Amino acid sequence: MRYQTYVLHLIDGTAIPMAEDYDLPAEKGIVGHFSKAAPDEIFTVGDRLLGFAYIPKSSIVYLETGEVIVR
């Protein structure tokens, strides 16, 4: 499988790494959700093992695109 990595950069300086399936259509992935989200929308980031974070869109400064990982 291939994964696209991202880093969410928050207002307080926190950087949250994340990844999603590379073959996921852009409009269904984080980039599509972020670009269409209302300013007061809450994003859920995480997994069942490490837990989840709930982040308001207004706290996200920018989304950095990383590399593609093959596993």
PDB file of N, CA and C in Angstrom:
ATOM      1  N   MET A   1       0.831  -1.190   0.000  1.00  0.00           N
ATOM      2  CA  MET A   1       0.000   0.000   0.000  1.00  0.00           C
ATOM      3  C   MET A   1       0.869   1.245   0.000  1.00  0.00           C
ATOM      4  N   ARG A   2       0.305   2.303  -0.527  1.00  0.00           N
ATOM      5  CA  ARG A   2       0.996   3.594  -0.539  1.00  0.00           C
ATOM      6  C   ARG A   2       0.208   4.587   0.311  1.00  0.00           C
ATOM      7  N   TYR A   3       0.933   5.409   1.055  1.00  0.00           N
ATOM      8  CA  TYR A   3       0.323   6.411   1.922  1.00  0.00           C
ATOM      9  C   TYR A   3       0.906   7.781   1.618  1.00  0.00           C
ATOM     10  N   GLN A   4       0.042   8.785   1.586  1.00  0.00           N
ATOM     11  CA  GLN A   4       0.467  10.181   1.458  1.00  0.00           C
ATOM     12  C   GLN A   4       0.574  10.742   2.862  1.00  0.00           C
ATOM     13  N   THR A   5       1.705  11.341   3.198  1.00  0.00           N
ATOM     14  CA  THR A   5       1.864  11.922   4.526  1.00  0.00           C
ATOM     15  C   THR A   5       1.572  13.418   4.491  1.00  0.00           C
ATOM     16  N   TYR A   6       1.114  13.921   5.615  1.00  0.00           N
ATOM     17  CA  TYR A   6       0.802  15.338   5.791  1.00  0.00           C
ATOM     18  C   TYR A   6       1.238  15.757   7.182  1.00  0.00           C
ATOM     19  N   VAL A   7       1.381  17.048   7.381  1.00  0.00           N
ATOM     20  CA  VAL A   7       1.599  17.607   8.713  1.00  0.00           C
ATOM     21  C   VAL A   7       0.633  18.775   8.868  1.00  0.00           C
ATOM     22  N   LEU A   8      -0.209  18.706   9.906  1.00  0.00           N
ATOM     23  CA  LEU A   8      -1.100  19.819  10.237  1.00  0.00           C
ATOM     24  C   LEU A   8      -0.330  20.758  11.157  1.00  0.00           C
ATOM     25  N   HIS A   9      -0.250  22.019  10.807  1.00  0.00           N
ATOM     26  CA  HIS A   9       0.425  23.017  11.634  1.00  0.00           C
ATOM     27  C   HIS A   9      -0.644  23.878  12.302  1.00  0.00           C
ATOM     28  N   LEU A  10      -0.611  23.896  13.631  1.00  0.00           N
ATOM     29  CA  LEU A  10      -1.623  24.609  14.403  1.00  0.00           C
ATOM     30  C   LEU A  10      -1.127  25.977  14.859  1.00  0.00           C
ATOM     31  N   ILE A  11      -2.069  26.807  15.260  1.00  0.00           N
ATOM     32  CA  ILE A  11      -1.776  28.174  15.711  1.00  0.00           C
ATOM     33  C   ILE A  11      -0.748  28.200  16.840  1.00  0.00           C
ATOM     34  N   ASP A  12      -0.829  27.235  17.767  1.00  0.00           N
ATOM     35  CA  ASP A  12       0.075  27.234  18.921  1.00  0.00           C
ATOM     36  C   ASP A  12       1.461  26.658  18.613  1.00  0.00           C
ATOM     37  N   GLY A  13       1.728  26.329  17.338  1.00  0.00           N
ATOM     38  CA  GLY A  13       3.031  25.802  16.948  1.00  0.00           C
ATOM     39  C   GLY A  13       3.108  24.284  16.905  1.00  0.00           C
ATOM     40  N   THR A  14       2.063  23.612  17.351  1.00  0.00           N
ATOM     41  CA  THR A  14       2.031  22.154  17.310  1.00  0.00           C
ATOM     42  C   THR A  14       1.993  21.667  15.866  1.00  0.00           C
ATOM     43  N   ALA A  15       2.758  20.625  15.578  1.00  0.00           N
ATOM     44  CA  ALA A  15       2.750  19.993  14.258  1.00  0.00           C
ATOM     45  C   ALA A  15       2.263  18.556  14.438  1.00  0.00           C
ATOM     46  N   ILE A  16       1.188  18.200  13.763  1.00  0.00           N
ATOM     47  CA  ILE A  16       0.592  16.877  13.905  1.00  0.00           C
ATOM     48  C   ILE A  16       0.788  16.097  12.608  1.00  0.00           C
ATOM     49  N   PRO A  17       1.644  15.048  12.649  1.00  0.00           N
ATOM     50  CA  PRO A  17       1.828  14.234  11.448  1.00  0.00           C
ATOM     51  C   PRO A  17       0.630  13.319  11.238  1.00  0.00           C
ATOM     52  N   MET A  18       0.310  13.076   9.993  1.00  0.00           N
ATOM     53  CA  MET A  18      -0.788  12.169   9.674  1.00  0.00           C
ATOM     54  C   MET A  18      -0.548  11.578   8.299  1.00  0.00           C
ATOM     55  N   ALA A  19      -1.297  10.534   7.958  1.00  0.00           N
ATOM     56  CA  ALA A  19      -1.178   9.891   6.650  1.00  0.00           C
ATOM     57  C   ALA A  19      -2.537   9.352   6.246  1.00  0.00           C
ATOM     58  N   GLU A  20      -2.722   9.217   4.936  1.00  0.00           N
ATOM     59  CA  GLU A  20      -3.941   8.609   4.418  1.00  0.00           C
ATOM     60  C   GLU A  20      -3.593   7.812   3.170  1.00  0.00           C
ATOM     61  N   ASP A  21      -4.490   6.943   2.774  1.00  0.00           N
ATOM     62  CA  ASP A  21      -4.301   6.106   1.596  1.00  0.00           C
ATOM     63  C   ASP A  21      -4.017   6.982   0.379  1.00  0.00           C
ATOM     64  N   TYR A  22      -2.945   6.700  -0.321  1.00  0.00           N
ATOM     65  CA  TYR A  22      -2.537   7.502  -1.474  1.00  0.00           C
ATOM     66  C   TYR A  22      -3.577   7.467  -2.590  1.00  0.00           C
ATOM     67  N   ASP A  23      -4.270   6.355  -2.741  1.00  0.00           N
ATOM     68  CA  ASP A  23      -5.242   6.195  -3.823  1.00  0.00           C
ATOM     69  C   ASP A  23      -6.615   6.791  -3.504  1.00  0.00           C
ATOM     70  N   LEU A  24      -6.768   7.360  -2.333  1.00  0.00           N
ATOM     71  CA  LEU A  24      -8.022   8.008  -1.958  1.00  0.00           C
ATOM     72  C   LEU A  24      -8.216   9.252  -2.825  1.00  0.00           C
ATOM     73  N   PRO A  25      -9.389   9.409  -3.452  1.00  0.00           N
ATOM     74  CA  PRO A  25      -9.612  10.616  -4.267  1.00  0.00           C
ATOM     75  C   PRO A  25      -9.423  11.880  -3.417  1.00  0.00           C
ATOM     76  N   ALA A  26      -8.845  12.906  -4.001  1.00  0.00           N
ATOM     77  CA  ALA A  26      -8.514  14.140  -3.269  1.00  0.00           C
ATOM     78  C   ALA A  26      -9.713  14.727  -2.538  1.00  0.00           C
ATOM     79  N   GLU A  27     -10.886  14.721  -3.168  1.00  0.00           N
ATOM     80  CA  GLU A  27     -12.063  15.316  -2.531  1.00  0.00           C
ATOM     81  C   GLU A  27     -12.535  14.530  -1.308  1.00  0.00           C
ATOM     82  N   LYS A  28     -12.111  13.272  -1.156  1.00  0.00           N
ATOM     83  CA  LYS A  28     -12.501  12.467   0.004  1.00  0.00           C
ATOM     84  C   LYS A  28     -11.420  12.434   1.073  1.00  0.00           C
ATOM     85  N   GLY A  29     -10.262  12.982   0.778  1.00  0.00           N
ATOM     86  CA  GLY A  29      -9.153  12.990   1.726  1.00  0.00           C
ATOM     87  C   GLY A  29      -9.114  14.270   2.543  1.00  0.00           C
ATOM     88  N   ILE A  30      -8.046  14.429   3.304  1.00  0.00           N
ATOM     89  CA  ILE A  30      -7.908  15.586   4.191  1.00  0.00           C
ATOM     90  C   ILE A  30      -7.862  16.897   3.414  1.00  0.00           C
ATOM     91  N   VAL A  31      -7.231  16.907   2.254  1.00  0.00           N
ATOM     92  CA  VAL A  31      -7.146  18.144   1.468  1.00  0.00           C
ATOM     93  C   VAL A  31      -8.538  18.579   1.013  1.00  0.00           C
ATOM     94  N   GLY A  32      -9.336  17.642   0.530  1.00  0.00           N
ATOM     95  CA  GLY A  32     -10.696  17.956   0.101  1.00  0.00           C
ATOM     96  C   GLY A  32     -11.571  18.415   1.250  1.00  0.00           C
ATOM     97  N   HIS A  33     -11.473  17.718   2.394  1.00  0.00           N
ATOM     98  CA  HIS A  33     -12.262  18.114   3.567  1.00  0.00           C
ATOM     99  C   HIS A  33     -11.840  19.491   4.074  1.00  0.00           C
ATOM    100  N   PHE A  34     -10.536  19.735   4.104  1.00  0.00           N
ATOM    101  CA  PHE A  34     -10.032  21.007   4.610  1.00  0.00           C
ATOM    102  C   PHE A  34     -10.484  22.173   3.736  1.00  0.00           C
ATOM    103  N   SER A  35     -10.410  22.004   2.428  1.00  0.00           N
ATOM    104  CA  SER A  35     -10.761  23.108   1.528  1.00  0.00           C
ATOM    105  C   SER A  35     -12.252  23.414   1.518  1.00  0.00           C
ATOM    106  N   LYS A  36     -13.097  22.424   1.826  1.00  0.00           N
ATOM    107  CA  LYS A  36     -14.549  22.625   1.815  1.00  0.00           C
ATOM    108  C   LYS A  36     -15.135  22.921   3.194  1.00  0.00           C
ATOM    109  N   ALA A  37     -14.346  22.771   4.239  1.00  0.00           N
ATOM    110  CA  ALA A  37     -14.857  22.873   5.605  1.00  0.00           C
ATOM    111  C   ALA A  37     -15.213  24.309   5.989  1.00  0.00           C
ATOM    112  N   ALA A  38     -16.266  24.412   6.770  1.00  0.00           N
ATOM    113  CA  ALA A  38     -16.654  25.701   7.341  1.00  0.00           C
ATOM    114  C   ALA A  38     -15.627  26.090   8.411  1.00  0.00           C
ATOM    115  N   PRO A  39     -15.480  27.381   8.701  1.00  0.00           N
ATOM    116  CA  PRO A  39     -14.491  27.824   9.694  1.00  0.00           C
ATOM    117  C   PRO A  39     -14.690  27.215  11.083  1.00  0.00           C
ATOM    118  N   ASP A  40     -15.918  26.841  11.424  1.00  0.00           N
ATOM    119  CA  ASP A  40     -16.180  26.282  12.754  1.00  0.00           C
ATOM    120  C   ASP A  40     -16.217  24.752  12.768  1.00  0.00           C
ATOM    121  N   GLU A  41     -15.847  24.110  11.675  1.00  0.00           N
ATOM    122  CA  GLU A  41     -15.861  22.646  11.609  1.00  0.00           C
ATOM    123  C   GLU A  41     -14.733  22.058  12.453  1.00  0.00           C
ATOM    124  N   ILE A  42     -14.982  20.869  13.010  1.00  0.00           N
ATOM    125  CA  ILE A  42     -14.009  20.161  13.835  1.00  0.00           C
ATOM    126  C   ILE A  42     -13.467  18.969  13.047  1.00  0.00           C
ATOM    127  N   PHE A  43     -12.143  18.837  12.980  1.00  0.00           N
ATOM    128  CA  PHE A  43     -11.503  17.699  12.329  1.00  0.00           C
ATOM    129  C   PHE A  43     -11.126  16.670  13.383  1.00  0.00           C
ATOM    130  N   THR A  44     -11.334  15.398  13.080  1.00  0.00           N
ATOM    131  CA  THR A  44     -10.921  14.302  13.939  1.00  0.00           C
ATOM    132  C   THR A  44      -9.693  13.665  13.308  1.00  0.00           C
ATOM    133  N   VAL A  45      -8.588  13.640  14.039  1.00  0.00           N
ATOM    134  CA  VAL A  45      -7.328  13.101  13.534  1.00  0.00           C
ATOM    135  C   VAL A  45      -6.835  12.054  14.517  1.00  0.00           C
ATOM    136  N   GLY A  46      -6.435  10.882  14.027  1.00  0.00           N
ATOM    137  CA  GLY A  46      -5.872   9.858  14.897  1.00  0.00           C
ATOM    138  C   GLY A  46      -6.210   8.465  14.433  1.00  0.00           C
ATOM    139  N   ASP A  47      -6.005   7.517  15.350  1.00  0.00           N
ATOM    140  CA  ASP A  47      -6.341   6.126  15.066  1.00  0.00           C
ATOM    141  C   ASP A  47      -6.744   5.429  16.359  1.00  0.00           C
ATOM    142  N   ARG A  48      -7.226   4.199  16.217  1.00  0.00           N
ATOM    143  CA  ARG A  48      -7.728   3.463  17.380  1.00  0.00           C
ATOM    144  C   ARG A  48      -6.633   3.101  18.369  1.00  0.00           C
ATOM    145  N   LEU A  49      -5.408   2.973  17.903  1.00  0.00           N
ATOM    146  CA  LEU A  49      -4.312   2.587  18.784  1.00  0.00           C
ATOM    147  C   LEU A  49      -3.804   3.762  19.623  1.00  0.00           C
ATOM    148  N   LEU A  50      -3.558   4.891  18.977  1.00  0.00           N
ATOM    149  CA  LEU A  50      -2.965   6.042  19.666  1.00  0.00           C
ATOM    150  C   LEU A  50      -3.972   7.060  20.164  1.00  0.00           C
ATOM    151  N   GLY A  51      -5.215   6.927  19.730  1.00  0.00           N
ATOM    152  CA  GLY A  51      -6.247   7.857  20.157  1.00  0.00           C
ATOM    153  C   GLY A  51      -6.519   8.930  19.119  1.00  0.00           C
ATOM    154  N   PHE A  52      -7.447   9.801  19.443  1.00  0.00           N
ATOM    155  CA  PHE A  52      -7.900  10.815  18.501  1.00  0.00           C
ATOM    156  C   PHE A  52      -7.730  12.215  19.078  1.00  0.00           C
ATOM    157  N   ALA A  53      -7.556  13.166  18.178  1.00  0.00           N
ATOM    158  CA  ALA A  53      -7.537  14.581  18.545  1.00  0.00           C
ATOM    159  C   ALA A  53      -8.655  15.262  17.774  1.00  0.00           C
ATOM    160  N   TYR A  54      -9.324  16.193  18.402  1.00  0.00           N
ATOM    161  CA  TYR A  54     -10.400  16.955  17.772  1.00  0.00           C
ATOM    162  C   TYR A  54      -9.901  18.380  17.604  1.00  0.00           C
ATOM    163  N   ILE A  55      -9.766  18.802  16.351  1.00  0.00           N
ATOM    164  CA  ILE A  55      -9.114  20.073  16.048  1.00  0.00           C
ATOM    165  C   ILE A  55     -10.052  20.977  15.259  1.00  0.00           C
ATOM    166  N   PRO A  56     -10.370  22.166  15.776  1.00  0.00           N
ATOM    167  CA  PRO A  56     -11.182  23.109  15.003  1.00  0.00           C
ATOM    168  C   PRO A  56     -10.400  23.608  13.786  1.00  0.00           C
ATOM    169  N   LYS A  57     -11.076  23.765  12.665  1.00  0.00           N
ATOM    170  CA  LYS A  57     -10.408  24.273  11.456  1.00  0.00           C
ATOM    171  C   LYS A  57      -9.750  25.617  11.738  1.00  0.00           C
ATOM    172  N   SER A  58     -10.368  26.418  12.577  1.00  0.00           N
ATOM    173  CA  SER A  58      -9.823  27.740  12.884  1.00  0.00           C
ATOM    174  C   SER A  58      -8.463  27.670  13.587  1.00  0.00           C
ATOM    175  N   SER A  59      -8.093  26.496  14.137  1.00  0.00           N
ATOM    176  CA  SER A  59      -6.794  26.328  14.796  1.00  0.00           C
ATOM    177  C   SER A  59      -5.706  25.848  13.847  1.00  0.00           C
ATOM    178  N   ILE A  60      -6.080  25.487  12.623  1.00  0.00           N
ATOM    179  CA  ILE A  60      -5.110  24.988  11.648  1.00  0.00           C
ATOM    180  C   ILE A  60      -4.585  26.157  10.819  1.00  0.00           C
ATOM    181  N   VAL A  61      -3.278  26.371  10.872  1.00  0.00           N
ATOM    182  CA  VAL A  61      -2.655  27.449  10.105  1.00  0.00           C
ATOM    183  C   VAL A  61      -2.465  26.997   8.661  1.00  0.00           C
ATOM    184  N   TYR A  62      -1.870  25.820   8.489  1.00  0.00           N
ATOM    185  CA  TYR A  62      -1.712  25.275   7.141  1.00  0.00           C
ATOM    186  C   TYR A  62      -1.488  23.773   7.192  1.00  0.00           C
ATOM    187  N   LEU A  63      -1.651  23.149   6.043  1.00  0.00           N
ATOM    188  CA  LEU A  63      -1.482  21.715   5.863  1.00  0.00           C
ATOM    189  C   LEU A  63      -0.279  21.502   4.947  1.00  0.00           C
ATOM    190  N   GLU A  64       0.734  20.829   5.457  1.00  0.00           N
ATOM    191  CA  GLU A  64       1.953  20.568   4.684  1.00  0.00           C
ATOM    192  C   GLU A  64       1.882  19.172   4.075  1.00  0.00           C
ATOM    193  N   THR A  65       2.117  19.085   2.781  1.00  0.00           N
ATOM    194  CA  THR A  65       2.142  17.793   2.104  1.00  0.00           C
ATOM    195  C   THR A  65       3.528  17.192   2.241  1.00  0.00           C
ATOM    196  N   GLY A  66       3.570  15.926   2.622  1.00  0.00           N
ATOM    197  CA  GLY A  66       4.850  15.239   2.786  1.00  0.00           C
ATOM    198  C   GLY A  66       5.107  14.259   1.662  1.00  0.00           C
ATOM    199  N   GLU A  67       5.795  13.194   2.007  1.00  0.00           N
ATOM    200  CA  GLU A  67       6.188  12.210   1.009  1.00  0.00           C
ATOM    201  C   GLU A  67       5.167  11.086   0.887  1.00  0.00           C
ATOM    202  N   VAL A  68       5.365  10.247  -0.109  1.00  0.00           N
ATOM    203  CA  VAL A  68       4.553   9.051  -0.287  1.00  0.00           C
ATOM    204  C   VAL A  68       5.358   7.879   0.260  1.00  0.00           C
ATOM    205  N   ILE A  69       4.743   7.112   1.157  1.00  0.00           N
ATOM    206  CA  ILE A  69       5.390   5.966   1.784  1.00  0.00           C
ATOM    207  C   ILE A  69       4.788   4.696   1.202  1.00  0.00           C
ATOM    208  N   VAL A  70       5.639   3.744   0.838  1.00  0.00           N
ATOM    209  CA  VAL A  70       5.176   2.456   0.319  1.00  0.00           C
ATOM    210  C   VAL A  70       5.428   1.404   1.388  1.00  0.00           C
ATOM    211  N   ARG A  71       4.371   0.658   1.739  1.00  0.00           N
ATOM    212  CA  ARG A  71       4.506  -0.417   2.742  1.00  0.00           C
ATOM    213  C   ARG A  71       3.845  -1.658   2.251  1.00  0.00           C
TER     214      ARG A  71
END
